Amino acid sequence: MKPQLMPSTIMAAVARDVGDLSYWEPVAEGEESQAFAIRFGGGEYILRVNRSADGFRKDEYCYRHFASADLPIPEIVSIGSIDNENAYCISERSPGLTLQDMNRSDVSSVAVPVMKVLETMASEDVAGIEGFGPFNECGIGRFGEWRDFLMSITDTRCYDWEALQSMLGERQIDAYIQVLSALAAQCPEMRRLVHGDFGSNNVLSHGGQITGVIDWSEAMIGDPLYDIANIFFWRTWLECMEVQAQYIENNHRDIMRQSEILRCYQLRIGLDVIYSSAMDRDEVVFEWAMERCDEIVRLS
């Protein structure tokens, strides 16, 4: 659940650690974080507040290991605590707008730079990270194989589907999982860097270039097609994703030839969205995600 702290409380805690702020204002927030633009010491930064510092430390890990001119990850300046329950992170402010905030033509104009960023991520050296799937701030993945991550959606220790039965009703979640299992058997055991939530409000652009790839809390080791699948899954929800999906369809036949793998990853993403939206009792996203998974299954 996103923190709902008073800005005055947040700024007092931050000023305690980094000095007086000369300016602050709220900016567009993520699903789990409050966010502000701040200024101190002559620099401009983004301040995020979350229930946990784990994702912030993972951002710091990815900055230290992967940031470059071709993969612009903002530097993490400070990570600290607001109180016993909430953490903050200060990072350099990347110029520009997120793809989600851009108009259709502007998103289309940066389709090539977006793909170059994806290619850069896929070529990163991940030898120092252990395992597969989501990794922690120490570079240790949670799974022994990529397929273990894909099928973890059935792990009752992480996904208590029975607890959601009142909302799911007669929905055929088992049918989705059966399709996912069959498709997962075809997926390659690749060890590449995957952002995990790429393509909308975590990619910034300015002047026709990609200026920032932010929020690495979902980053993992696996098949880079997973990031492409995220774009395809959300295409009917977000215009920026539809524009990118159309570009890939029209210009990357090598990717489109791997349609069954893309279906598998889209279904895995969809099941996660169904679960999280049901947990949050977000009926709008839940109904949309169910319909989207129906569409993906029917593609067979």
Protein backbone atom coordinates (compact mmCIF):
# COMPACT_ATOMS: atom_id res chain seq x y z
CA MET A 1 0.00 0.00 0.00
CA LYS A 2 1.29 3.45 -0.92
CA PRO A 3 2.28 5.70 2.02
CA GLN A 4 0.04 8.69 2.67
CA LEU A 5 2.38 10.85 4.69
CA MET A 6 2.06 14.61 5.09
CA PRO A 7 4.61 16.38 2.85
CA SER A 8 5.80 18.42 5.84
CA THR A 9 6.69 15.20 7.69
CA ILE A 10 8.58 13.87 4.67
CA MET A 11 10.52 17.08 4.02
CA ALA A 12 11.51 17.44 7.68
CA ALA A 13 13.00 13.94 7.69
CA VAL A 14 14.84 14.53 4.42
CA ALA A 15 16.18 17.91 5.53
CA ARG A 16 17.42 16.24 8.71
CA ASP A 17 19.64 13.98 6.59
CA VAL A 18 20.69 16.09 3.57
CA GLY A 19 20.19 19.71 4.65
CA ASP A 20 17.61 22.36 3.91
CA LEU A 21 15.56 22.01 0.73
CA SER A 22 15.24 25.16 -1.38
CA TYR A 23 12.23 23.80 -3.30
CA TRP A 24 9.83 20.87 -3.45
CA GLU A 25 6.60 19.99 -5.25
CA PRO A 26 4.57 16.80 -5.80
CA VAL A 27 5.05 14.97 -9.11
CA ALA A 28 3.31 12.00 -10.71
CA GLU A 29 3.44 9.07 -8.33
CA GLY A 30 4.02 5.38 -8.90
CA GLU A 31 1.71 2.63 -7.74
CA GLU A 32 3.62 2.18 -4.49
CA SER A 33 5.43 5.47 -3.86
CA GLN A 34 4.73 9.08 -3.07
CA ALA A 35 6.97 11.27 -5.25
CA PHE A 36 8.28 14.83 -5.23
CA ALA A 37 10.66 17.01 -7.19
CA ILE A 38 13.13 18.62 -4.78
CA ARG A 39 16.12 20.93 -4.92
CA PHE A 40 19.04 21.23 -2.54
CA GLY A 41 22.73 22.07 -2.80
CA GLY A 42 22.17 23.48 -6.29
CA GLY A 43 20.96 20.15 -7.73
CA GLU A 44 17.55 18.86 -8.81
CA TYR A 45 16.36 15.48 -7.63
CA ILE A 46 13.41 13.13 -7.35
CA LEU A 47 12.31 12.07 -3.88
CA ARG A 48 10.28 8.88 -3.48
CA VAL A 49 8.69 7.50 -0.33
CA ASN A 50 7.78 3.84 0.07
CA ARG A 51 6.91 1.33 2.78
CA SER A 52 10.21 -0.45 2.17
CA ALA A 53 13.72 0.56 1.13
CA ASP A 54 14.29 -2.75 -0.67
CA GLY A 55 13.31 -1.43 -4.09
CA PHE A 56 15.42 1.68 -3.58
CA ARG A 57 18.48 -0.41 -2.74
CA LYS A 58 17.85 -2.43 -5.87
CA ASP A 59 17.78 0.81 -7.89
CA GLU A 60 21.16 1.63 -6.37
CA TYR A 61 22.51 -1.81 -7.28
CA CYS A 62 21.38 -1.44 -10.90
CA TYR A 63 22.84 2.06 -11.12
CA ARG A 64 26.24 0.85 -9.88
CA HIS A 65 26.36 -2.19 -12.16
CA PHE A 66 24.54 -1.19 -15.35
CA ALA A 67 24.28 2.60 -15.79
CA SER A 68 25.87 3.98 -18.96
CA ALA A 69 25.25 6.50 -21.72
CA ASP A 70 23.26 3.81 -23.54
CA LEU A 71 21.35 2.77 -20.41
CA PRO A 72 20.72 5.99 -18.46
CA ILE A 73 19.84 4.98 -14.90
CA PRO A 74 19.63 7.95 -12.49
CA GLU A 75 22.20 8.00 -9.71
CA ILE A 76 20.88 7.24 -6.23
CA VAL A 77 22.04 10.07 -3.96
CA SER A 78 20.57 9.03 -0.61
CA ILE A 79 18.39 6.34 0.95
CA GLY A 80 16.99 6.89 4.44
CA SER A 81 14.06 6.51 6.81
CA ILE A 82 11.11 8.81 7.39
CA ASP A 83 10.02 6.81 10.44
CA ASN A 84 9.91 3.18 11.54
CA GLU A 85 7.51 2.24 8.72
CA ASN A 86 8.53 4.36 5.71
CA ALA A 87 11.70 4.87 3.69
CA TYR A 88 12.79 7.52 1.22
CA CYS A 89 15.11 7.61 -1.77
CA ILE A 90 16.67 10.62 -3.49
CA SER A 91 17.87 10.20 -7.07
CA GLU A 92 19.08 12.52 -9.78
CA ARG A 93 16.24 13.99 -11.82
CA SER A 94 16.27 12.89 -15.47
CA PRO A 95 14.96 15.48 -17.93
CA GLY A 96 11.86 14.90 -20.01
CA LEU A 97 8.55 13.08 -19.78
CA THR A 98 7.67 9.46 -19.27
CA LEU A 99 6.43 7.59 -22.34
CA GLN A 100 3.06 7.35 -20.62
CA ASP A 101 2.80 11.15 -20.43
CA MET A 102 3.82 11.74 -24.06
CA ASN A 103 1.43 12.05 -26.99
CA ARG A 104 1.18 9.33 -29.60
CA SER A 105 3.39 10.97 -32.22
CA ASP A 106 6.16 11.70 -29.70
CA VAL A 107 6.15 8.09 -28.48
CA SER A 108 6.38 6.94 -32.09
CA SER A 109 9.35 9.25 -32.68
CA VAL A 110 11.40 7.54 -29.94
CA ALA A 111 10.50 3.93 -30.85
CA VAL A 112 14.00 3.32 -32.21
CA PRO A 113 15.83 4.69 -29.11
CA VAL A 114 13.51 2.62 -26.90
CA MET A 115 14.47 -0.55 -28.76
CA LYS A 116 18.16 0.38 -28.47
CA VAL A 117 17.75 0.62 -24.69
CA LEU A 118 16.15 -2.83 -24.66
CA GLU A 119 19.04 -4.18 -26.72
CA THR A 120 21.54 -2.60 -24.33
CA MET A 121 19.86 -4.20 -21.33
CA ALA A 122 19.91 -7.58 -23.05
CA SER A 123 23.66 -7.28 -23.65
CA GLU A 124 24.63 -6.34 -20.07
CA ASP A 125 27.09 -8.56 -18.22
CA VAL A 126 25.10 -10.30 -15.45
CA ALA A 127 27.77 -12.80 -14.43
CA GLY A 128 27.84 -11.32 -10.94
CA ILE A 129 24.18 -12.07 -10.28
CA GLU A 130 23.17 -15.50 -9.01
CA GLY A 131 20.07 -17.42 -10.04
CA PHE A 132 17.04 -16.42 -12.08
CA GLY A 133 13.98 -14.26 -11.70
CA PRO A 134 13.81 -11.19 -9.43
CA PHE A 135 17.08 -10.52 -7.64
CA ASN A 136 17.71 -8.58 -4.44
CA GLU A 137 20.00 -5.64 -3.68
CA CYS A 138 22.88 -8.10 -3.26
CA GLY A 139 22.45 -9.59 -6.73
CA ILE A 140 20.91 -12.89 -5.65
CA GLY A 141 18.00 -14.24 -7.70
CA ARG A 142 15.11 -16.06 -6.07
CA PHE A 143 14.93 -19.04 -8.45
CA GLY A 144 17.18 -21.80 -9.72
CA GLU A 145 15.76 -21.69 -13.25
CA TRP A 146 13.81 -19.26 -15.42
CA ARG A 147 10.90 -21.71 -15.66
CA ASP A 148 10.76 -21.79 -11.85
CA PHE A 149 10.00 -18.07 -11.93
CA LEU A 150 7.40 -18.46 -14.68
CA MET A 151 5.54 -21.14 -12.74
CA SER A 152 5.91 -19.46 -9.35
CA ILE A 153 2.46 -17.99 -9.99
CA THR A 154 1.18 -21.38 -8.75
CA ASP A 155 3.21 -21.28 -5.52
CA THR A 156 0.68 -20.99 -2.69
CA ARG A 157 3.34 -19.44 -0.45
CA CYS A 158 3.31 -16.37 -2.71
CA TYR A 159 -0.08 -16.54 -4.44
CA ASP A 160 -3.04 -17.60 -2.30
CA TRP A 161 -5.60 -18.00 -5.09
CA GLU A 162 -8.12 -19.68 -2.81
CA ALA A 163 -8.31 -16.57 -0.64
CA LEU A 164 -9.54 -14.65 -3.69
CA GLN A 165 -12.26 -17.10 -4.62
CA SER A 166 -15.06 -14.70 -3.65
CA MET A 167 -13.85 -12.25 -6.29
CA LEU A 168 -12.79 -14.84 -8.85
CA GLY A 169 -16.08 -16.74 -8.71
CA GLU A 170 -16.27 -19.16 -11.61
CA ARG A 171 -13.34 -17.62 -13.43
CA GLN A 172 -11.10 -20.24 -15.01
CA ILE A 173 -7.73 -19.36 -13.50
CA ASP A 174 -6.72 -23.03 -13.70
CA ALA A 175 -7.26 -22.94 -17.46
CA TYR A 176 -4.86 -20.00 -17.76
CA ILE A 177 -2.28 -21.81 -15.66
CA GLN A 178 -2.55 -24.94 -17.81
CA VAL A 179 -1.81 -22.88 -20.93
CA LEU A 180 1.05 -21.10 -19.13
CA SER A 181 2.56 -24.44 -18.08
CA ALA A 182 2.46 -25.81 -21.62
CA LEU A 183 4.02 -22.67 -23.07
CA ALA A 184 6.68 -22.37 -20.32
CA ALA A 185 8.13 -25.71 -21.41
CA GLN A 186 9.09 -24.02 -24.71
CA CYS A 187 10.83 -21.02 -23.15
CA PRO A 188 14.63 -20.74 -23.17
CA GLU A 189 16.77 -20.70 -20.04
CA MET A 190 18.42 -17.34 -20.74
CA ARG A 191 20.48 -15.27 -18.31
CA ARG A 192 19.97 -11.67 -19.36
CA LEU A 193 18.98 -8.45 -17.59
CA VAL A 194 15.21 -7.84 -17.58
CA HIS A 195 13.72 -4.59 -16.26
CA GLY A 196 10.44 -6.27 -15.36
CA ASP A 197 8.16 -3.21 -15.76
CA PHE A 198 9.38 -1.55 -18.93
CA GLY A 199 7.71 0.72 -21.42
CA SER A 200 5.39 3.30 -19.84
CA ASN A 201 5.99 5.39 -16.72
CA ASN A 202 9.48 3.99 -16.08
CA VAL A 203 11.07 5.31 -19.28
CA LEU A 204 11.75 9.03 -19.76
CA SER A 205 12.51 10.85 -22.99
CA HIS A 206 13.68 14.32 -23.95
CA GLY A 207 14.88 15.74 -27.26
CA GLY A 208 14.23 12.50 -29.11
CA GLN A 209 16.44 10.49 -26.74
CA ILE A 210 15.86 8.20 -23.79
CA THR A 211 17.06 10.13 -20.75
CA GLY A 212 16.15 7.79 -17.92
CA VAL A 213 15.16 4.21 -17.16
CA ILE A 214 13.85 4.25 -13.60
CA ASP A 215 12.33 2.02 -10.91
CA TRP A 216 14.27 -1.25 -11.06
CA SER A 217 12.36 -2.86 -8.19
CA GLU A 218 11.03 -5.62 -10.48
CA ALA A 219 14.35 -6.27 -12.27
CA MET A 220 15.23 -9.91 -12.85
CA ILE A 221 17.47 -12.33 -14.65
CA GLY A 222 15.87 -14.24 -17.52
CA ASP A 223 14.69 -13.83 -21.10
CA PRO A 224 14.72 -10.20 -22.36
CA LEU A 225 11.59 -10.98 -24.39
CA TYR A 226 9.78 -10.62 -21.06
CA ASP A 227 10.12 -6.83 -21.35
CA ILE A 228 8.74 -6.95 -24.90
CA ALA A 229 5.84 -9.07 -23.64
CA ASN A 230 5.09 -6.41 -21.01
CA ILE A 231 4.65 -3.88 -23.81
CA PHE A 232 2.33 -6.24 -25.69
CA PHE A 233 0.29 -7.16 -22.62
CA TRP A 234 -0.51 -3.55 -21.72
CA ARG A 235 -1.12 -2.36 -25.29
CA THR A 236 -4.92 -2.19 -24.95
CA TRP A 237 -4.65 -0.28 -21.65
CA LEU A 238 -2.01 2.34 -22.47
CA GLU A 239 -1.60 4.18 -25.77
CA CYS A 240 2.18 4.39 -25.34
CA MET A 241 2.32 0.60 -25.20
CA GLU A 242 0.12 0.26 -28.29
CA VAL A 243 2.44 2.56 -30.26
CA GLN A 244 5.50 0.55 -29.23
CA ALA A 245 3.78 -2.77 -29.94
CA GLN A 246 2.85 -1.65 -33.45
CA TYR A 247 6.42 -0.55 -34.11
CA ILE A 248 7.77 -3.94 -33.02
CA GLU A 249 5.21 -5.78 -35.14
CA ASN A 250 6.14 -3.76 -38.21
CA ASN A 251 9.92 -3.68 -37.80
CA HIS A 252 11.10 -6.69 -35.80
CA ARG A 253 10.05 -9.89 -37.49
CA ASP A 254 12.67 -11.77 -35.49
CA ILE A 255 10.77 -10.95 -32.32
CA MET A 256 7.35 -11.69 -33.81
CA ARG A 257 8.52 -15.17 -34.88
CA GLN A 258 8.71 -16.01 -31.17
CA SER A 259 4.98 -15.54 -30.71
CA GLU A 260 4.42 -18.51 -28.42
CA ILE A 261 7.12 -17.35 -26.01
CA LEU A 262 5.59 -13.86 -26.04
CA ARG A 263 2.18 -15.41 -25.28
CA CYS A 264 3.65 -17.29 -22.34
CA TYR A 265 5.22 -14.19 -20.82
CA GLN A 266 2.10 -12.09 -21.41
CA LEU A 267 -0.01 -14.70 -19.65
CA ARG A 268 2.44 -14.80 -16.72
CA ILE A 269 2.26 -11.00 -16.46
CA GLY A 270 -1.52 -11.12 -16.75
CA LEU A 271 -1.95 -13.67 -13.98
CA ASP A 272 0.15 -11.49 -11.70
CA VAL A 273 -2.01 -8.46 -12.55
CA ILE A 274 -5.19 -10.46 -11.93
CA TYR A 275 -3.90 -11.56 -8.54
CA SER A 276 -2.68 -8.14 -7.39
CA SER A 277 -5.83 -6.32 -8.58
CA ALA A 278 -8.04 -8.91 -6.87
CA MET A 279 -6.04 -8.47 -3.67
CA ASP A 280 -6.53 -4.69 -3.93
CA ARG A 281 -10.22 -5.13 -4.85
CA ASP A 282 -9.57 -3.03 -7.97
CA GLU A 283 -12.46 -4.28 -10.06
CA VAL A 284 -11.67 -2.13 -13.11
CA VAL A 285 -8.12 -3.47 -13.56
CA PHE A 286 -9.24 -6.96 -12.52
CA GLU A 287 -11.95 -7.19 -15.20
CA TRP A 288 -9.67 -5.74 -17.85
CA ALA A 289 -6.85 -8.18 -16.98
CA MET A 290 -9.24 -11.13 -17.11
CA GLU A 291 -10.43 -10.10 -20.57
CA ARG A 292 -6.86 -9.51 -21.70
CA CYS A 293 -5.81 -13.01 -20.59
CA ASP A 294 -8.83 -14.42 -22.42
CA GLU A 295 -7.57 -12.70 -25.58
CA ILE A 296 -4.06 -14.07 -25.11
CA VAL A 297 -5.29 -17.63 -24.59
CA ARG A 298 -7.47 -17.39 -27.71
CA LEU A 299 -4.42 -16.51 -29.81
CA SER A 300 -3.48 -20.21 -29.91
